[in-house]
Amino acid sequence: MGVTEISALSGVNKSTISKILHVLQEYGYVVKNSQSGRYFLGGKFVMFSSKVLKGVKFTDVARPFLAELAQKTGETVNLGVISGTKVLYADVINTGENALHIVNQIGKTEHMHTSALGKALLAYSPGELMRHIIDVEGLPSFSENTIVDEGELMRQIDQIRTLGYATDNEECEPGVRCVGSPILNRQGEVIASISISGYAGRFTHEKMELYSRMILDTARSISVACEKTGVPL
């Protein structure tokens, strides 16, 4: 939202709104898109939302489904949420028989363009978030396969929206592949994402196809379970 829009909705003059936003930006509660001048929520607000999610037991609802997916695949399963312009690991199930020795830790953050977990979130987020990431933060490389070209990222985002799931072909960690899916509410808004991660040698084309179907089913099941148990999405 922009200053004028916020002023109109709140009834507070634009000068005051600008000062408030400046302070919120300094403390990480909002992020400003330097191209459009519009603001969106920053990492500090995400930390508050994480506490709310914990209070309503969102992760408790999701965890049995994540654990079942880890048991069926034998791989590492992750739950992610947006934290400012990055993806934050809200939960990690690392108990599968083939689970990664490279342990993703709860609270860890990554650039969204580098992983299936992040790209699944990015594909269903407001377009200005992606614009901010590209224009302000850029697309840093973490491996030979990291997407560093805007056109290629946009192509993948379009594909994710068509298929409903994202993939990561050793783009964040060399030797690690992932497949991820967003968790959406009834309005089609992204709330979180989940992913299966494993060593690239085991993630054959056939496995990726199988895991993509499994993760889509799991994401839908989590969304339905949250609605049935009254957890707001």
C-alpha atoms as a PDB file:
ATOM      1  CA  MET A   1       0.000   0.000   0.000  1.00  0.00           C
ATOM      2  CA  GLY A   2       1.077   3.569  -0.590  1.00  0.00           C
ATOM      3  CA  VAL A   3       1.046   6.589   1.737  1.00  0.00           C
ATOM      4  CA  THR A   4      -2.005   8.123   0.041  1.00  0.00           C
ATOM      5  CA  GLU A   5      -3.974   4.880   0.265  1.00  0.00           C
ATOM      6  CA  ILE A   6      -3.107   4.350   3.923  1.00  0.00           C
ATOM      7  CA  SER A   7      -4.013   7.965   4.702  1.00  0.00           C
ATOM      8  CA  ALA A   8      -7.393   7.605   2.991  1.00  0.00           C
ATOM      9  CA  LEU A   9      -8.209   4.377   4.833  1.00  0.00           C
ATOM     10  CA  SER A  10      -7.044   5.578   8.260  1.00  0.00           C
ATOM     11  CA  GLY A  11      -8.126   9.223   8.126  1.00  0.00           C
ATOM     12  CA  VAL A  12      -4.644  10.279   9.230  1.00  0.00           C
ATOM     13  CA  ASN A  13      -2.853  12.951   7.178  1.00  0.00           C
ATOM     14  CA  LYS A  14      -0.127  11.860   4.756  1.00  0.00           C
ATOM     15  CA  SER A  15       2.652  13.665   6.604  1.00  0.00           C
ATOM     16  CA  THR A  16       1.959  11.729   9.800  1.00  0.00           C
ATOM     17  CA  ILE A  17       1.600   8.456   7.890  1.00  0.00           C
ATOM     18  CA  SER A  18       4.986   9.038   6.236  1.00  0.00           C
ATOM     19  CA  LYS A  19       6.661   9.596   9.612  1.00  0.00           C
ATOM     20  CA  ILE A  20       5.062   6.471  11.083  1.00  0.00           C
ATOM     21  CA  LEU A  21       6.093   4.364   8.100  1.00  0.00           C
ATOM     22  CA  HIS A  22       9.640   5.696   8.311  1.00  0.00           C
ATOM     23  CA  VAL A  23       9.921   4.522  11.917  1.00  0.00           C
ATOM     24  CA  LEU A  24       8.326   1.157  11.121  1.00  0.00           C
ATOM     25  CA  GLN A  25      10.760   0.719   8.244  1.00  0.00           C
ATOM     26  CA  GLU A  26      13.761   1.484  10.483  1.00  0.00           C
ATOM     27  CA  TYR A  27      12.696  -1.255  12.901  1.00  0.00           C
ATOM     28  CA  GLY A  28      11.923  -3.807  10.205  1.00  0.00           C
ATOM     29  CA  TYR A  29       8.145  -3.830  10.499  1.00  0.00           C
ATOM     30  CA  VAL A  30       7.605  -2.697   6.907  1.00  0.00           C
ATOM     31  CA  VAL A  31       9.650  -2.793   3.698  1.00  0.00           C
ATOM     32  CA  LYS A  32       9.437  -0.077   1.047  1.00  0.00           C
ATOM     33  CA  ASN A  33       9.581  -0.773  -2.673  1.00  0.00           C
ATOM     34  CA  SER A  34      11.890   1.959  -3.926  1.00  0.00           C
ATOM     35  CA  GLN A  35      10.412   1.789  -7.425  1.00  0.00           C
ATOM     36  CA  SER A  36       6.696   2.060  -6.591  1.00  0.00           C
ATOM     37  CA  GLY A  37       6.965   3.769  -3.191  1.00  0.00           C
ATOM     38  CA  ARG A  38       4.547   1.196  -1.770  1.00  0.00           C
ATOM     39  CA  TYR A  39       5.003  -0.690   1.504  1.00  0.00           C
ATOM     40  CA  PHE A  40       4.509  -4.302   2.555  1.00  0.00           C
ATOM     41  CA  LEU A  41       4.986  -6.155   5.847  1.00  0.00           C
ATOM     42  CA  GLY A  42       8.531  -6.836   7.040  1.00  0.00           C
ATOM     43  CA  GLY A  43      10.145  -9.565   9.093  1.00  0.00           C
ATOM     44  CA  LYS A  44       9.178  -8.162  12.509  1.00  0.00           C
ATOM     45  CA  PHE A  45       5.484  -8.478  11.688  1.00  0.00           C
ATOM     46  CA  VAL A  46       6.146 -12.031  10.540  1.00  0.00           C
ATOM     47  CA  MET A  47       7.646 -12.796  13.947  1.00  0.00           C
ATOM     48  CA  PHE A  48       4.420 -11.550  15.537  1.00  0.00           C
ATOM     49  CA  SER A  49       2.379 -13.670  13.130  1.00  0.00           C
ATOM     50  CA  SER A  50       4.530 -16.682  14.016  1.00  0.00           C
ATOM     51  CA  LYS A  51       3.574 -16.195  17.657  1.00  0.00           C
ATOM     52  CA  VAL A  52      -0.080 -15.982  16.648  1.00  0.00           C
ATOM     53  CA  LEU A  53       0.284 -19.150  14.573  1.00  0.00           C
ATOM     54  CA  LYS A  54       1.818 -20.847  17.579  1.00  0.00           C
ATOM     55  CA  GLY A  55      -1.030 -19.619  19.764  1.00  0.00           C
ATOM     56  CA  VAL A  56      -3.675 -21.115  17.485  1.00  0.00           C
ATOM     57  CA  LYS A  57      -1.517 -24.226  16.974  1.00  0.00           C
ATOM     58  CA  PHE A  58      -1.050 -23.913  13.208  1.00  0.00           C
ATOM     59  CA  THR A  59       2.199 -25.866  13.371  1.00  0.00           C
ATOM     60  CA  ASP A  60       0.534 -28.457  15.619  1.00  0.00           C
ATOM     61  CA  VAL A  61      -2.131 -28.988  12.965  1.00  0.00           C
ATOM     62  CA  ALA A  62       0.430 -29.172  10.157  1.00  0.00           C
ATOM     63  CA  ARG A  63       3.046 -31.328  11.898  1.00  0.00           C
ATOM     64  CA  PRO A  64       1.266 -34.738  11.730  1.00  0.00           C
ATOM     65  CA  PHE A  65       0.882 -34.304   7.973  1.00  0.00           C
ATOM     66  CA  LEU A  66       4.525 -33.307   7.618  1.00  0.00           C
ATOM     67  CA  ALA A  67       5.605 -36.292   9.736  1.00  0.00           C
ATOM     68  CA  GLU A  68       3.499 -38.663   7.639  1.00  0.00           C
ATOM     69  CA  LEU A  69       5.035 -37.260   4.453  1.00  0.00           C
ATOM     70  CA  ALA A  70       8.540 -37.687   5.905  1.00  0.00           C
ATOM     71  CA  GLN A  71       7.728 -41.271   6.901  1.00  0.00           C
ATOM     72  CA  LYS A  72       6.338 -42.163   3.457  1.00  0.00           C
ATOM     73  CA  THR A  73       9.201 -40.595   1.495  1.00  0.00           C
ATOM     74  CA  GLY A  74      12.047 -41.151   3.950  1.00  0.00           C
ATOM     75  CA  GLU A  75      13.189 -37.603   3.190  1.00  0.00           C
ATOM     76  CA  THR A  76      13.390 -34.268   5.028  1.00  0.00           C
ATOM     77  CA  VAL A  77      10.137 -32.256   5.045  1.00  0.00           C
ATOM     78  CA  ASN A  78      10.001 -28.487   5.689  1.00  0.00           C
ATOM     79  CA  LEU A  79       7.355 -25.876   6.500  1.00  0.00           C
ATOM     80  CA  GLY A  80       8.085 -22.295   5.436  1.00  0.00           C
ATOM     81  CA  VAL A  81       6.535 -18.839   5.854  1.00  0.00           C
ATOM     82  CA  ILE A  82       7.364 -15.441   4.386  1.00  0.00           C
ATOM     83  CA  SER A  83       9.696 -13.342   6.546  1.00  0.00           C
ATOM     84  CA  GLY A  84      10.065  -9.949   4.927  1.00  0.00           C
ATOM     85  CA  THR A  85      11.675 -10.794   1.594  1.00  0.00           C
ATOM     86  CA  LYS A  86      12.927 -14.252   2.609  1.00  0.00           C
ATOM     87  CA  VAL A  87      11.498 -17.662   3.450  1.00  0.00           C
ATOM     88  CA  LEU A  88      11.697 -18.692   7.101  1.00  0.00           C
ATOM     89  CA  TYR A  89      11.738 -22.345   8.193  1.00  0.00           C
ATOM     90  CA  ALA A  90       8.824 -22.639  10.643  1.00  0.00           C
ATOM     91  CA  ASP A  91       9.161 -26.407  11.100  1.00  0.00           C
ATOM     92  CA  VAL A  92      11.484 -29.183   9.924  1.00  0.00           C
ATOM     93  CA  ILE A  93      10.884 -32.948  10.058  1.00  0.00           C
ATOM     94  CA  ASN A  94      14.247 -34.635   9.723  1.00  0.00           C
ATOM     95  CA  THR A  95      13.381 -38.151  10.903  1.00  0.00           C
ATOM     96  CA  GLY A  96      13.079 -39.968   7.557  1.00  0.00           C
ATOM     97  CA  GLU A  97      15.441 -42.868   6.951  1.00  0.00           C
ATOM     98  CA  ASN A  98      17.118 -40.948   4.104  1.00  0.00           C
ATOM     99  CA  ALA A  99      16.905 -37.520   5.763  1.00  0.00           C
ATOM    100  CA  LEU A 100      19.533 -34.930   4.901  1.00  0.00           C
ATOM    101  CA  HIS A 101      22.649 -34.688   7.045  1.00  0.00           C
ATOM    102  CA  ILE A 102      22.548 -30.979   6.152  1.00  0.00           C
ATOM    103  CA  VAL A 103      19.917 -30.064   8.717  1.00  0.00           C
ATOM    104  CA  ASN A 104      17.578 -27.172   7.996  1.00  0.00           C
ATOM    105  CA  GLN A 105      17.012 -25.439  11.325  1.00  0.00           C
ATOM    106  CA  ILE A 106      13.759 -23.907  12.504  1.00  0.00           C
ATOM    107  CA  GLY A 107      14.166 -20.124  12.266  1.00  0.00           C
ATOM    108  CA  LYS A 108      16.646 -20.304   9.386  1.00  0.00           C
ATOM    109  CA  THR A 109      15.977 -17.927   6.471  1.00  0.00           C
ATOM    110  CA  GLU A 110      16.861 -18.194   2.773  1.00  0.00           C
ATOM    111  CA  HIS A 111      16.491 -16.068  -0.336  1.00  0.00           C
ATOM    112  CA  MET A 112      13.150 -16.981  -1.849  1.00  0.00           C
ATOM    113  CA  HIS A 113      14.412 -17.475  -5.416  1.00  0.00           C
ATOM    114  CA  THR A 114      16.830 -20.223  -4.376  1.00  0.00           C
ATOM    115  CA  SER A 115      14.513 -22.957  -3.085  1.00  0.00           C
ATOM    116  CA  ALA A 116      11.276 -24.786  -3.862  1.00  0.00           C
ATOM    117  CA  LEU A 117       9.994 -23.708  -0.439  1.00  0.00           C
ATOM    118  CA  GLY A 118      10.619 -20.046  -1.277  1.00  0.00           C
ATOM    119  CA  LYS A 119       9.506 -20.123  -4.908  1.00  0.00           C
ATOM    120  CA  ALA A 120       6.211 -21.760  -3.919  1.00  0.00           C
ATOM    121  CA  LEU A 121       5.583 -18.772  -1.632  1.00  0.00           C
ATOM    122  CA  LEU A 122       6.803 -16.220  -4.149  1.00  0.00           C
ATOM    123  CA  ALA A 123       4.563 -17.492  -6.949  1.00  0.00           C
ATOM    124  CA  TYR A 124       1.422 -16.775  -4.931  1.00  0.00           C
ATOM    125  CA  SER A 125       2.560 -13.541  -3.240  1.00  0.00           C
ATOM    126  CA  PRO A 126       1.733  -9.986  -4.386  1.00  0.00           C
ATOM    127  CA  GLY A 127       3.702  -9.066  -7.504  1.00  0.00           C
ATOM    128  CA  GLU A 128       5.327  -6.089  -5.821  1.00  0.00           C
ATOM    129  CA  LEU A 129       7.172  -8.404  -3.424  1.00  0.00           C
ATOM    130  CA  MET A 130       8.903 -10.069  -6.358  1.00  0.00           C
ATOM    131  CA  ARG A 131       9.566  -6.688  -7.945  1.00  0.00           C
ATOM    132  CA  HIS A 132      11.203  -5.463  -4.737  1.00  0.00           C
ATOM    133  CA  ILE A 133      13.366  -8.579  -4.484  1.00  0.00           C
ATOM    134  CA  ILE A 134      14.553  -8.255  -8.087  1.00  0.00           C
ATOM    135  CA  ASP A 135      15.053  -4.472  -8.101  1.00  0.00           C
ATOM    136  CA  VAL A 136      16.480  -3.940  -4.618  1.00  0.00           C
ATOM    137  CA  GLU A 137      18.025  -7.206  -3.428  1.00  0.00           C
ATOM    138  CA  GLY A 138      18.837  -8.803  -6.754  1.00  0.00           C
ATOM    139  CA  LEU A 139      19.171 -12.538  -7.366  1.00  0.00           C
ATOM    140  CA  PRO A 140      22.426 -13.625  -5.673  1.00  0.00           C
ATOM    141  CA  SER A 141      23.947 -16.962  -6.622  1.00  0.00           C
ATOM    142  CA  PHE A 142      24.566 -19.783  -4.129  1.00  0.00           C
ATOM    143  CA  SER A 143      25.404 -22.559  -6.587  1.00  0.00           C
ATOM    144  CA  GLU A 144      25.977 -23.096 -10.300  1.00  0.00           C
ATOM    145  CA  ASN A 145      22.241 -23.714 -10.713  1.00  0.00           C
ATOM    146  CA  THR A 146      20.876 -20.713  -8.789  1.00  0.00           C
ATOM    147  CA  ILE A 147      18.475 -18.643 -10.881  1.00  0.00           C
ATOM    148  CA  VAL A 148      20.135 -15.267 -11.424  1.00  0.00           C
ATOM    149  CA  ASP A 149      18.191 -14.163 -14.509  1.00  0.00           C
ATOM    150  CA  GLU A 150      14.887 -12.321 -14.076  1.00  0.00           C
ATOM    151  CA  GLY A 151      13.394 -13.831 -17.225  1.00  0.00           C
ATOM    152  CA  GLU A 152      14.140 -17.372 -16.085  1.00  0.00           C
ATOM    153  CA  LEU A 153      12.692 -16.673 -12.637  1.00  0.00           C
ATOM    154  CA  MET A 154       9.498 -15.300 -14.171  1.00  0.00           C
ATOM    155  CA  ARG A 155       9.256 -18.358 -16.436  1.00  0.00           C
ATOM    156  CA  GLN A 156       9.525 -20.655 -13.426  1.00  0.00           C
ATOM    157  CA  ILE A 157       6.993 -18.623 -11.453  1.00  0.00           C
ATOM    158  CA  ASP A 158       4.490 -18.960 -14.317  1.00  0.00           C
ATOM    159  CA  GLN A 159       5.154 -22.711 -14.399  1.00  0.00           C
ATOM    160  CA  ILE A 160       4.617 -22.993 -10.631  1.00  0.00           C
ATOM    161  CA  ARG A 161       1.252 -21.249 -10.938  1.00  0.00           C
ATOM    162  CA  THR A 162       0.276 -23.664 -13.703  1.00  0.00           C
ATOM    163  CA  LEU A 163       1.446 -26.880 -12.010  1.00  0.00           C
ATOM    164  CA  GLY A 164       0.805 -25.863  -8.392  1.00  0.00           C
ATOM    165  CA  TYR A 165       4.260 -26.894  -7.196  1.00  0.00           C
ATOM    166  CA  ALA A 166       7.873 -25.699  -7.377  1.00  0.00           C
ATOM    167  CA  THR A 167      11.183 -27.510  -7.807  1.00  0.00           C
ATOM    168  CA  ASP A 168      14.752 -26.771  -6.776  1.00  0.00           C
ATOM    169  CA  ASN A 169      17.478 -28.422  -8.831  1.00  0.00           C
ATOM    170  CA  GLU A 170      20.537 -27.904  -6.612  1.00  0.00           C
ATOM    171  CA  GLU A 171      19.869 -24.141  -6.715  1.00  0.00           C
ATOM    172  CA  CYS A 172      20.464 -23.470  -3.019  1.00  0.00           C
ATOM    173  CA  GLU A 173      22.637 -26.361  -1.869  1.00  0.00           C
ATOM    174  CA  PRO A 174      24.798 -28.321  -4.352  1.00  0.00           C
ATOM    175  CA  GLY A 175      23.742 -31.957  -4.307  1.00  0.00           C
ATOM    176  CA  VAL A 176      20.250 -31.249  -2.904  1.00  0.00           C
ATOM    177  CA  ARG A 177      16.956 -31.226  -4.803  1.00  0.00           C
ATOM    178  CA  CYS A 178      13.538 -30.233  -3.506  1.00  0.00           C
ATOM    179  CA  VAL A 179       9.902 -30.084  -4.516  1.00  0.00           C
ATOM    180  CA  GLY A 180       7.549 -27.649  -2.758  1.00  0.00           C
ATOM    181  CA  SER A 181       3.921 -26.539  -2.706  1.00  0.00           C
ATOM    182  CA  PRO A 182       2.073 -23.538  -1.246  1.00  0.00           C
ATOM    183  CA  ILE A 183      -0.580 -23.858   1.442  1.00  0.00           C
ATOM    184  CA  LEU A 184      -3.486 -21.642   0.379  1.00  0.00           C
ATOM    185  CA  ASN A 185      -6.606 -20.430   2.130  1.00  0.00           C
ATOM    186  CA  ARG A 186     -10.092 -20.370   0.591  1.00  0.00           C
ATOM    187  CA  GLN A 187      -9.355 -17.032  -1.067  1.00  0.00           C
ATOM    188  CA  GLY A 188      -6.315 -18.485  -2.820  1.00  0.00           C
ATOM    189  CA  GLU A 189      -3.902 -16.499  -0.634  1.00  0.00           C
ATOM    190  CA  VAL A 190      -0.625 -18.145   0.328  1.00  0.00           C
ATOM    191  CA  ILE A 191      -0.230 -18.814   4.053  1.00  0.00           C
ATOM    192  CA  ALA A 192       2.829 -21.058   4.090  1.00  0.00           C
ATOM    193  CA  SER A 193       4.635 -23.628   1.975  1.00  0.00           C
ATOM    194  CA  ILE A 194       5.961 -27.144   2.411  1.00  0.00           C
ATOM    195  CA  SER A 195       8.792 -28.978   0.687  1.00  0.00           C
ATOM    196  CA  ILE A 196      10.498 -32.352   0.446  1.00  0.00           C
ATOM    197  CA  SER A 197      14.295 -32.142   0.346  1.00  0.00           C
ATOM    198  CA  GLY A 198      16.809 -34.865  -0.443  1.00  0.00           C
ATOM    199  CA  TYR A 199      20.069 -35.762  -2.093  1.00  0.00           C
ATOM    200  CA  ALA A 200      19.992 -35.158  -5.843  1.00  0.00           C
ATOM    201  CA  GLY A 201      21.038 -38.704  -6.712  1.00  0.00           C
ATOM    202  CA  ARG A 202      17.801 -40.081  -5.217  1.00  0.00           C
ATOM    203  CA  PHE A 203      15.539 -37.422  -6.708  1.00  0.00           C
ATOM    204  CA  THR A 204      15.075 -38.973 -10.144  1.00  0.00           C
ATOM    205  CA  HIS A 205      12.522 -37.648 -12.630  1.00  0.00           C
ATOM    206  CA  GLU A 206      10.100 -40.374 -11.537  1.00  0.00           C
ATOM    207  CA  LYS A 207      10.616 -39.552  -7.853  1.00  0.00           C
ATOM    208  CA  MET A 208      10.071 -35.843  -8.499  1.00  0.00           C
ATOM    209  CA  GLU A 209       6.766 -36.597 -10.229  1.00  0.00           C
ATOM    210  CA  LEU A 210       5.672 -38.837  -7.355  1.00  0.00           C
ATOM    211  CA  TYR A 211       6.728 -36.339  -4.694  1.00  0.00           C
ATOM    212  CA  SER A 212       4.989 -33.482  -6.484  1.00  0.00           C
ATOM    213  CA  ARG A 213       1.673 -35.352  -6.261  1.00  0.00           C
ATOM    214  CA  MET A 214       2.274 -36.256  -2.630  1.00  0.00           C
ATOM    215  CA  ILE A 215       3.158 -32.725  -1.608  1.00  0.00           C
ATOM    216  CA  LEU A 216       0.136 -31.231  -3.372  1.00  0.00           C
ATOM    217  CA  ASP A 217      -2.114 -33.658  -1.486  1.00  0.00           C
ATOM    218  CA  THR A 218      -0.392 -32.839   1.813  1.00  0.00           C
ATOM    219  CA  ALA A 219      -0.711 -29.073   1.300  1.00  0.00           C
ATOM    220  CA  ARG A 220      -4.433 -29.438   0.587  1.00  0.00           C
ATOM    221  CA  SER A 221      -4.888 -31.700   3.608  1.00  0.00           C
ATOM    222  CA  ILE A 222      -3.223 -29.162   5.917  1.00  0.00           C
ATOM    223  CA  SER A 223      -5.440 -26.382   4.600  1.00  0.00           C
ATOM    224  CA  VAL A 224      -8.611 -28.470   5.100  1.00  0.00           C
ATOM    225  CA  ALA A 225      -7.506 -29.584   8.569  1.00  0.00           C
ATOM    226  CA  CYS A 226      -6.918 -25.984   9.632  1.00  0.00           C
ATOM    227  CA  GLU A 227     -10.422 -25.039   8.521  1.00  0.00           C
ATOM    228  CA  LYS A 228     -11.997 -27.997  10.321  1.00  0.00           C
ATOM    229  CA  THR A 229     -10.156 -27.256  13.572  1.00  0.00           C
ATOM    230  CA  GLY A 230     -10.895 -23.542  13.420  1.00  0.00           C
ATOM    231  CA  VAL A 231      -7.320 -22.422  12.857  1.00  0.00           C
ATOM    232  CA  PRO A 232      -7.579 -19.151  10.886  1.00  0.00           C
ATOM    233  CA  LEU A 233      -5.788 -19.026   7.556  1.00  0.00           C
END
